[in-house]
Amino acid sequence: MPKLNDNLASQVDGQEVREGFDRTPLEAGTYVVRLREVEAKRSTNDNPMWVCVFEVVSDSEGDAKNKGKRLWTNLVFTDNALWKVAQFFRAFETEANTDTDELLGEQIRVSVSKRVIQSGSREGELGNNIDSFLTLAPGSEDGESKPKAKAKAKVGATAVDESDPGF
């Protein structure tokens, strides 16, 4: 039978128990979000893609009532979808060859809509869609106007190639 090691067990013991995960979709609008994770995967059509996880900081007016809610989006590396990848990097005000690890924790704004989920275990339920990535407006980061630090570009990175998207 499996057993947790002492280190992992102490991490589990320190976690707050949640009765359920709030899947209530956000209202359509613009939100300030923080990039939490980027994972390289393959789409159901076997195209390379990144699964991006964002955490809501506030809405566009600074209201933090949805703070901590998560939003997911896929950036698929096909000719018809590269515009969204470009929009992603431009929202972070950085070059496309930037290592996404350098963007983790950075904030941008996203335009969000509601949609009916088309497949999977939540098919037919309401969910959110990130329609566009926007730069962080001056004054919207923690209520202060701070200059946005640009991420460092990864030296020696190559252009996106459909067979090897640089994962």
Foldseek 3Di string as FASTA:
>chain_A
DDDDDPVVVVVVVPDDDDPDDDQDADAFAKFKWFWADWDWDADPVRWIKIKTKIFTCAGPVQHRPRGGDIDIDIQTPDPVRVVQLVQVQVQLPEDSQADCVQRGGPIWMFGKHKDQDCDDPRHRDIYMDGPGTHHHDACNDVNHGDDRDHGDGDPPGDPQDRVCRPD
